[in-house]
Amino acid sequence: MATTVGRKEHPISMRLPEADIAMIDRAAGLRGRSRTDFMRDAAVRAAEDG
C-alpha cells in the first residue's frame, strides 16, 4: 500500500494596491487559474530565476 506524504502549507499575507490586485486577477482569469495558483506559480518562477 502506498504511503501518502503529508503536505504542509503555510499562508502568506500581502498588502497590495487595488490596481495590482485587479491586474493579477485579470491575468489569472485569462489563464483559467485562481489568484492563489497564479501568484504561487509566478513567485516560484521568479525565485528559480533568482
N, C-alpha and C. Protein backbone atom coordinates (compact mmCIF):
# COMPACT_ATOMS: atom_id res chain seq x y z
N MET A 1 0.84 -1.19 0.00
CA MET A 1 0.00 0.00 0.00
C MET A 1 0.88 1.24 0.00
N ALA A 2 0.56 2.19 -0.86
CA ALA A 2 1.34 3.42 -0.98
C ALA A 2 1.12 4.32 0.23
N THR A 3 2.19 4.98 0.62
CA THR A 3 2.12 5.92 1.73
C THR A 3 1.96 7.32 1.16
N THR A 4 1.02 8.08 1.68
CA THR A 4 0.80 9.46 1.26
C THR A 4 1.63 10.38 2.14
N VAL A 5 2.43 11.21 1.51
CA VAL A 5 3.25 12.17 2.25
C VAL A 5 2.38 13.37 2.58
N GLY A 6 2.38 13.77 3.86
CA GLY A 6 1.60 14.94 4.27
C GLY A 6 2.19 16.21 3.69
N ARG A 7 1.35 17.03 3.12
CA ARG A 7 1.80 18.29 2.52
C ARG A 7 1.45 19.42 3.47
N LYS A 8 2.46 20.15 3.89
CA LYS A 8 2.22 21.28 4.79
C LYS A 8 2.16 22.55 3.96
N GLU A 9 1.15 23.33 4.18
CA GLU A 9 1.01 24.61 3.50
C GLU A 9 1.09 25.72 4.53
N HIS A 10 1.71 26.80 4.13
CA HIS A 10 1.91 27.94 5.03
C HIS A 10 1.33 29.18 4.37
N PRO A 11 0.43 29.87 5.05
CA PRO A 11 -0.17 31.06 4.47
C PRO A 11 0.83 32.22 4.36
N ILE A 12 0.67 33.00 3.32
CA ILE A 12 1.46 34.23 3.14
C ILE A 12 0.46 35.35 2.90
N SER A 13 0.63 36.42 3.63
CA SER A 13 -0.28 37.55 3.51
C SER A 13 0.49 38.73 2.91
N MET A 14 -0.16 39.43 1.96
CA MET A 14 0.46 40.60 1.35
C MET A 14 -0.55 41.72 1.26
N ARG A 15 -0.06 42.92 1.37
CA ARG A 15 -0.91 44.10 1.15
C ARG A 15 -0.50 44.68 -0.19
N LEU A 16 -1.46 44.77 -1.09
CA LEU A 16 -1.18 45.27 -2.43
C LEU A 16 -2.20 46.35 -2.79
N PRO A 17 -1.78 47.29 -3.63
CA PRO A 17 -2.73 48.29 -4.10
C PRO A 17 -3.83 47.62 -4.93
N GLU A 18 -5.00 48.21 -4.93
CA GLU A 18 -6.14 47.67 -5.65
C GLU A 18 -5.83 47.44 -7.13
N ALA A 19 -5.05 48.36 -7.72
CA ALA A 19 -4.71 48.22 -9.15
C ALA A 19 -3.88 46.96 -9.40
N ASP A 20 -2.98 46.64 -8.47
CA ASP A 20 -2.18 45.42 -8.62
C ASP A 20 -3.05 44.17 -8.53
N ILE A 21 -3.97 44.17 -7.58
CA ILE A 21 -4.88 43.03 -7.42
C ILE A 21 -5.72 42.86 -8.68
N ALA A 22 -6.21 43.96 -9.23
CA ALA A 22 -7.02 43.89 -10.45
C ALA A 22 -6.22 43.30 -11.60
N MET A 23 -4.96 43.72 -11.75
CA MET A 23 -4.12 43.20 -12.82
C MET A 23 -3.84 41.71 -12.63
N ILE A 24 -3.54 41.32 -11.40
CA ILE A 24 -3.29 39.91 -11.09
C ILE A 24 -4.53 39.07 -11.36
N ASP A 25 -5.68 39.57 -10.93
CA ASP A 25 -6.93 38.83 -11.14
C ASP A 25 -7.26 38.69 -12.63
N ARG A 26 -7.01 39.74 -13.41
CA ARG A 26 -7.25 39.65 -14.86
C ARG A 26 -6.34 38.60 -15.49
N ALA A 27 -5.06 38.65 -15.15
CA ALA A 27 -4.10 37.71 -15.72
C ALA A 27 -4.43 36.28 -15.30
N ALA A 28 -4.77 36.08 -14.05
CA ALA A 28 -5.13 34.74 -13.57
C ALA A 28 -6.37 34.24 -14.30
N GLY A 29 -7.35 35.10 -14.46
CA GLY A 29 -8.59 34.72 -15.15
C GLY A 29 -8.35 34.34 -16.60
N LEU A 30 -7.47 35.08 -17.27
CA LEU A 30 -7.16 34.77 -18.67
C LEU A 30 -6.52 33.40 -18.81
N ARG A 31 -5.85 32.96 -17.76
CA ARG A 31 -5.20 31.65 -17.79
C ARG A 31 -6.05 30.56 -17.14
N GLY A 32 -7.24 30.95 -16.68
CA GLY A 32 -8.12 29.97 -16.04
C GLY A 32 -7.59 29.49 -14.70
N ARG A 33 -6.88 30.35 -13.99
CA ARG A 33 -6.27 29.99 -12.71
C ARG A 33 -6.88 30.83 -11.60
N SER A 34 -6.75 30.35 -10.40
CA SER A 34 -7.14 31.17 -9.24
C SER A 34 -6.03 32.17 -8.97
N ARG A 35 -6.36 33.21 -8.22
CA ARG A 35 -5.34 34.19 -7.83
C ARG A 35 -4.20 33.51 -7.09
N THR A 36 -4.53 32.63 -6.17
CA THR A 36 -3.51 31.93 -5.38
C THR A 36 -2.59 31.12 -6.27
N ASP A 37 -3.15 30.31 -7.17
CA ASP A 37 -2.33 29.49 -8.06
C ASP A 37 -1.44 30.36 -8.95
N PHE A 38 -2.03 31.42 -9.49
CA PHE A 38 -1.28 32.32 -10.36
C PHE A 38 -0.10 32.95 -9.62
N MET A 39 -0.35 33.47 -8.41
CA MET A 39 0.70 34.13 -7.65
C MET A 39 1.76 33.15 -7.17
N ARG A 40 1.34 31.95 -6.76
CA ARG A 40 2.30 30.93 -6.33
C ARG A 40 3.24 30.58 -7.48
N ASP A 41 2.68 30.31 -8.66
CA ASP A 41 3.50 29.96 -9.82
C ASP A 41 4.45 31.09 -10.19
N ALA A 42 3.94 32.33 -10.19
CA ALA A 42 4.78 33.48 -10.54
C ALA A 42 5.92 33.66 -9.54
N ALA A 43 5.62 33.50 -8.26
CA ALA A 43 6.65 33.66 -7.22
C ALA A 43 7.70 32.57 -7.30
N VAL A 44 7.27 31.33 -7.53
CA VAL A 44 8.22 30.23 -7.62
C VAL A 44 9.11 30.40 -8.86
N ARG A 45 8.52 30.79 -9.99
CA ARG A 45 9.32 31.03 -11.19
C ARG A 45 10.36 32.13 -10.96
N ALA A 46 9.94 33.21 -10.32
CA ALA A 46 10.86 34.32 -10.06
C ALA A 46 11.98 33.87 -9.11
N ALA A 47 11.66 33.06 -8.13
CA ALA A 47 12.67 32.56 -7.20
C ALA A 47 13.66 31.64 -7.90
N GLU A 48 13.16 30.81 -8.80
CA GLU A 48 14.04 29.90 -9.54
C GLU A 48 14.97 30.66 -10.49
N ASP A 49 14.45 31.74 -11.07
CA ASP A 49 15.24 32.55 -11.99
C ASP A 49 16.29 33.38 -11.25
N GLY A 50 16.02 33.59 -9.97
CA GLY A 50 16.80 34.28 -9.00
C GLY A 50 17.84 35.20 -9.32
